[in-house]
Protein backbone atom coordinates (compact mmCIF):
# COMPACT_ATOMS: atom_id res chain seq x y z
CA UNK A 1 -54.61 53.65 -22.84
CA UNK A 2 -54.56 51.56 -25.96
CA UNK A 3 -57.43 51.70 -28.56
CA UNK A 4 -58.91 48.89 -30.25
CA UNK A 5 -59.44 45.30 -29.17
CA UNK A 6 -55.80 44.54 -28.23
CA UNK A 7 -54.66 44.52 -24.62
CA UNK A 8 -51.05 45.48 -23.60
CA UNK A 9 -50.00 44.96 -20.17
CA UNK A 10 -46.46 45.58 -18.52
CA UNK A 11 -44.94 43.38 -15.97
CA UNK A 12 -42.31 44.83 -13.65
CA UNK A 13 -40.72 42.34 -11.18
CA UNK A 14 -39.28 44.26 -8.17
CA UNK A 15 -37.58 43.58 -4.80
CA UNK A 16 -36.61 46.37 -2.63
CA UNK A 17 -36.87 49.06 -5.52
CA UNK A 18 -38.57 51.96 -3.77
CA UNK A 19 -36.24 54.55 -5.01
CA UNK A 20 -36.73 53.72 -8.68
CA UNK A 21 -40.12 51.83 -9.13
CA UNK A 22 -42.28 55.18 -9.25
CA UNK A 23 -40.21 56.71 -11.93
CA UNK A 24 -40.30 53.48 -13.82
CA UNK A 25 -44.03 52.99 -13.59
CA UNK A 26 -44.94 56.60 -14.53
CA UNK A 27 -42.58 56.38 -17.75
CA UNK A 28 -44.52 53.12 -18.42
CA UNK A 29 -47.84 54.61 -18.08
CA UNK A 30 -46.91 57.19 -20.84
CA UNK A 31 -46.63 54.37 -23.43
CA UNK A 32 -49.57 52.61 -25.01
CA UNK A 33 -50.11 50.20 -22.12
CA UNK A 34 -53.42 49.30 -20.70
CA UNK A 35 -52.25 48.25 -17.16
CA UNK A 36 -48.80 48.23 -15.43
CA UNK A 37 -48.55 45.46 -12.83
CA UNK A 38 -45.54 45.28 -10.34
CA UNK A 39 -44.79 41.80 -9.03
CA UNK A 40 -43.31 42.61 -5.51
CA UNK A 41 -41.05 39.78 -4.87
CA UNK A 42 -41.03 39.87 -0.98
CA UNK A 43 -39.63 43.35 -0.59
CA UNK A 44 -38.82 44.79 2.80
CA UNK A 45 -38.94 48.31 1.91
CA UNK A 46 -41.66 50.64 0.63
CA UNK A 47 -41.79 49.14 -3.14
CA UNK A 48 -45.46 48.39 -2.94
CA UNK A 49 -46.57 51.65 -1.46
CA UNK A 50 -44.47 53.48 -3.98
CA UNK A 51 -45.85 51.46 -7.02
CA UNK A 52 -49.45 51.78 -5.79
CA UNK A 53 -49.02 55.59 -5.34
CA UNK A 54 -47.56 55.73 -9.05
CA UNK A 55 -50.78 54.10 -10.41
CA UNK A 56 -49.67 50.51 -10.87
CA UNK A 57 -51.55 47.14 -9.94
CA UNK A 58 -49.42 45.34 -7.35
CA UNK A 59 -49.16 41.60 -6.71
CA UNK A 60 -47.06 40.93 -3.66
CA UNK A 61 -45.51 37.45 -3.24
CA UNK A 62 -44.66 36.48 0.52
CA UNK A 63 -41.11 35.15 0.72
CA UNK A 64 -38.89 35.38 -2.30
CA UNK A 65 -39.80 33.46 -5.58
CA UNK A 66 -37.05 34.89 -7.60
CA UNK A 67 -37.55 36.64 -10.88
CA UNK A 68 -38.72 33.78 -13.17
CA UNK A 69 -40.86 32.51 -10.30
CA UNK A 70 -42.43 35.71 -9.63
CA UNK A 71 -43.37 36.56 -13.34
CA UNK A 72 -44.75 33.08 -13.75
CA UNK A 73 -46.82 33.24 -10.66
CA UNK A 74 -48.04 36.70 -11.81
CA UNK A 75 -49.04 35.38 -15.33
CA UNK A 76 -51.11 32.59 -13.43
CA UNK A 77 -53.18 35.32 -11.75
CA UNK A 78 -53.57 37.77 -14.38
CA UNK A 79 -56.33 37.86 -17.23
CA UNK A 80 -54.64 37.43 -20.87
CA UNK A 81 -53.08 40.13 -22.71
CA UNK A 82 -52.10 40.41 -26.37
CA UNK A 83 -48.71 41.82 -26.12
CA UNK A 84 -46.73 41.78 -22.67
CA UNK A 85 -43.98 44.19 -22.00
CA UNK A 86 -41.49 43.04 -19.34
CA UNK A 87 -39.54 45.87 -17.70
CA UNK A 88 -37.05 45.85 -14.85
CA UNK A 89 -37.94 48.21 -12.01
CA UNK A 90 -34.57 50.04 -11.78
CA UNK A 91 -35.16 51.60 -15.26
CA UNK A 92 -36.52 54.86 -13.88
CA UNK A 93 -37.50 57.61 -16.47
CA UNK A 94 -35.66 55.67 -19.37
CA UNK A 95 -38.35 53.08 -19.43
CA UNK A 96 -40.30 55.44 -21.71
CA UNK A 97 -37.76 54.36 -24.32
CA UNK A 98 -39.41 50.92 -24.35
CA UNK A 99 -42.24 52.01 -26.77
CA UNK A 100 -39.54 50.90 -29.42
CA UNK A 101 -40.09 47.35 -28.37
CA UNK A 102 -43.78 47.56 -28.57
CA UNK A 103 -43.85 49.04 -32.17
CA UNK A 104 -41.63 46.24 -33.29
CA UNK A 105 -43.93 43.73 -32.09
CA UNK A 106 -47.37 45.21 -32.85
CA UNK A 107 -45.92 46.01 -36.23
CA UNK A 108 -45.46 42.25 -36.83
CA UNK A 109 -41.57 42.49 -37.40
CA UNK A 110 -41.09 40.05 -34.34
CA UNK A 111 -42.80 37.96 -31.84
CA UNK A 112 -40.21 38.80 -29.16
CA UNK A 113 -38.30 42.05 -29.26
CA UNK A 114 -35.39 42.38 -26.61
CA UNK A 115 -34.06 45.88 -25.61
CA UNK A 116 -30.22 46.45 -26.40
CA UNK A 117 -28.74 48.88 -23.84
CA UNK A 118 -26.37 51.72 -24.86
CA UNK A 119 -22.85 51.00 -23.55
CA UNK A 120 -22.74 52.28 -19.62
CA UNK A 121 -20.10 52.31 -17.10
CA UNK A 122 -19.98 50.32 -13.87
CA UNK A 123 -20.59 46.99 -15.72
CA UNK A 124 -18.92 43.78 -14.26
CA UNK A 125 -16.48 41.60 -16.32
CA UNK A 126 -18.90 40.13 -18.63
CA UNK A 127 -18.48 36.62 -18.00
CA UNK A 128 -22.08 35.90 -17.08
CA UNK A 129 -23.17 37.66 -20.22
CA UNK A 130 -20.93 35.71 -22.43
CA UNK A 131 -21.88 32.40 -20.85
CA UNK A 132 -25.51 33.20 -21.48
CA UNK A 133 -24.92 34.27 -25.08
CA UNK A 134 -22.85 31.20 -25.71
CA UNK A 135 -25.67 28.96 -24.33
CA UNK A 136 -28.20 30.82 -26.34
CA UNK A 137 -25.99 30.37 -29.68
CA UNK A 138 -25.21 26.68 -28.96
CA UNK A 139 -28.82 25.68 -28.21
CA UNK A 140 -30.71 27.69 -30.60
CA UNK A 141 -28.38 29.18 -33.14
CA UNK A 142 -29.48 32.64 -32.28
CA UNK A 143 -26.46 35.36 -31.78
CA UNK A 144 -27.40 37.43 -28.85
CA UNK A 145 -25.60 40.71 -28.02
CA UNK A 146 -27.74 41.37 -25.00
CA UNK A 147 -28.83 37.95 -23.59
CA UNK A 148 -29.58 38.94 -20.07
CA UNK A 149 -31.82 41.90 -21.01
CA UNK A 150 -34.95 41.90 -18.89
CA UNK A 151 -36.87 44.66 -21.08
CA UNK A 152 -38.87 42.41 -23.63
CA UNK A 153 -41.97 42.81 -25.54
CA UNK A 154 -43.57 39.67 -26.51
CA UNK A 155 -46.76 38.34 -28.21
CA UNK A 156 -49.29 36.13 -26.20
CA UNK A 157 -48.57 33.09 -28.49
CA UNK A 158 -44.68 33.40 -28.20
CA UNK A 159 -45.21 33.80 -24.34
CA UNK A 160 -47.32 30.70 -24.21
CA UNK A 161 -44.73 28.72 -26.09
CA UNK A 162 -42.03 29.56 -23.61
CA UNK A 163 -43.80 28.88 -20.37
CA UNK A 164 -43.24 27.76 -17.80
CA UNK A 165 -40.78 30.30 -17.44
CA UNK A 166 -37.17 29.29 -16.19
CA UNK A 167 -36.72 29.99 -12.57
CA UNK A 168 -34.62 33.08 -11.40
CA UNK A 169 -32.25 34.73 -13.43
CA UNK A 170 -32.47 31.95 -16.02
CA UNK A 171 -35.54 33.21 -17.20
CA UNK A 172 -34.21 35.44 -20.13
CA UNK A 173 -31.76 32.97 -21.50
CA UNK A 174 -34.30 30.22 -21.44
CA UNK A 175 -36.82 32.49 -22.97
CA UNK A 176 -34.69 33.31 -25.89
CA UNK A 177 -33.66 29.79 -26.60
CA UNK A 178 -37.26 28.45 -26.31
CA UNK A 179 -38.79 31.05 -28.57
CA UNK A 180 -36.15 30.55 -31.34
CA UNK A 181 -36.65 26.80 -31.06
CA UNK A 182 -40.26 27.27 -31.35
CA UNK A 183 -39.96 28.83 -34.63
CA UNK A 184 -40.79 32.31 -33.51
CA UNK A 185 -39.01 35.56 -34.65
CA UNK A 186 -36.79 36.89 -32.12
CA UNK A 187 -34.82 40.48 -32.74
CA UNK A 188 -32.66 42.70 -30.61
CA UNK A 189 -33.58 46.32 -30.78
CA UNK A 190 -31.42 49.52 -29.74
CA UNK A 191 -33.05 51.55 -27.33
CA UNK A 192 -31.34 54.80 -27.00
CA UNK A 193 -31.05 56.27 -23.60
CA UNK A 194 -32.07 53.13 -21.67
CA UNK A 195 -30.27 52.75 -18.39
CA UNK A 196 -30.22 50.69 -15.43
CA UNK A 197 -28.40 50.33 -12.22
CA UNK A 198 -25.27 48.46 -12.78
CA UNK A 199 -24.21 45.94 -10.16
CA UNK A 200 -20.52 46.95 -10.54
CA UNK A 201 -17.23 45.03 -9.43
CA UNK A 202 -18.21 45.28 -5.63
CA UNK A 203 -18.47 42.05 -3.49
CA UNK A 204 -22.20 42.18 -3.61
CA UNK A 205 -22.05 42.58 -7.37
CA UNK A 206 -19.93 39.49 -7.67
CA UNK A 207 -22.15 37.63 -5.31
CA UNK A 208 -25.15 38.69 -7.57
CA UNK A 209 -23.45 37.63 -10.75
CA UNK A 210 -22.56 34.31 -9.16
CA UNK A 211 -25.85 33.54 -8.31
CA UNK A 212 -27.11 34.81 -11.78
CA UNK A 213 -24.67 32.37 -13.48
CA UNK A 214 -25.91 29.33 -11.53
CA UNK A 215 -29.42 29.82 -12.42
CA UNK A 216 -28.57 30.48 -16.17
CA UNK A 217 -26.52 27.18 -16.34
CA UNK A 218 -29.41 25.25 -14.74
CA UNK A 219 -31.64 26.63 -17.45
CA UNK A 220 -29.34 25.99 -20.19
CA UNK A 221 -28.52 22.43 -18.87
CA UNK A 222 -32.30 21.57 -18.88
CA UNK A 223 -32.62 22.58 -22.43
CA UNK A 224 -29.48 20.78 -23.61
CA UNK A 225 -30.98 17.59 -22.04
CA UNK A 226 -34.13 17.96 -24.42
CA UNK A 227 -31.95 17.90 -27.40
CA UNK A 228 -30.78 14.22 -26.61
């Protein structure tokens, strides 16, 4: 638990993450966090029960809202916080390293801190990542090394400025663009030991990245129109 008047909340979007969500939550609860909220986006497995057993608050969404929609829906239902920490459910025990992001934001060095992953095996071809980074650079001038990272600490003021969040997997790309355009300080922070499940170069992995790319393109296109 945090001391003082500030409130810190971790938001964990999850869909069919029963094998990793418990370890992720337990790691997050070791950080200076007041509450861990899991947003179960229509899981068909035991994600909700595992999250509850680990000590998280669970908001369950019927159907499938997508990542951005699920988090936006949760924010509409939750009481305000001073600092929000977004963390993917597949981080497992490595989520404990996200205290680095909180420290950067709480110390006033940034309004939005984004985690840089160490290099890991099993990644795709990098096409979607390069497309996202290119859109961010073109539309905001920010050079992102990890544009798709969902591990982010953000102040309440910065979060208000980037809402409503873009739908689906366009959320992170849009958030970075909107935060920079609004004049907030955005930094990327190396987090040693941080790992997540790579989608790899399987058929399902390429399908996932194809869907991800479409949603990122939609979010970027919407922001390009606003420049005209």
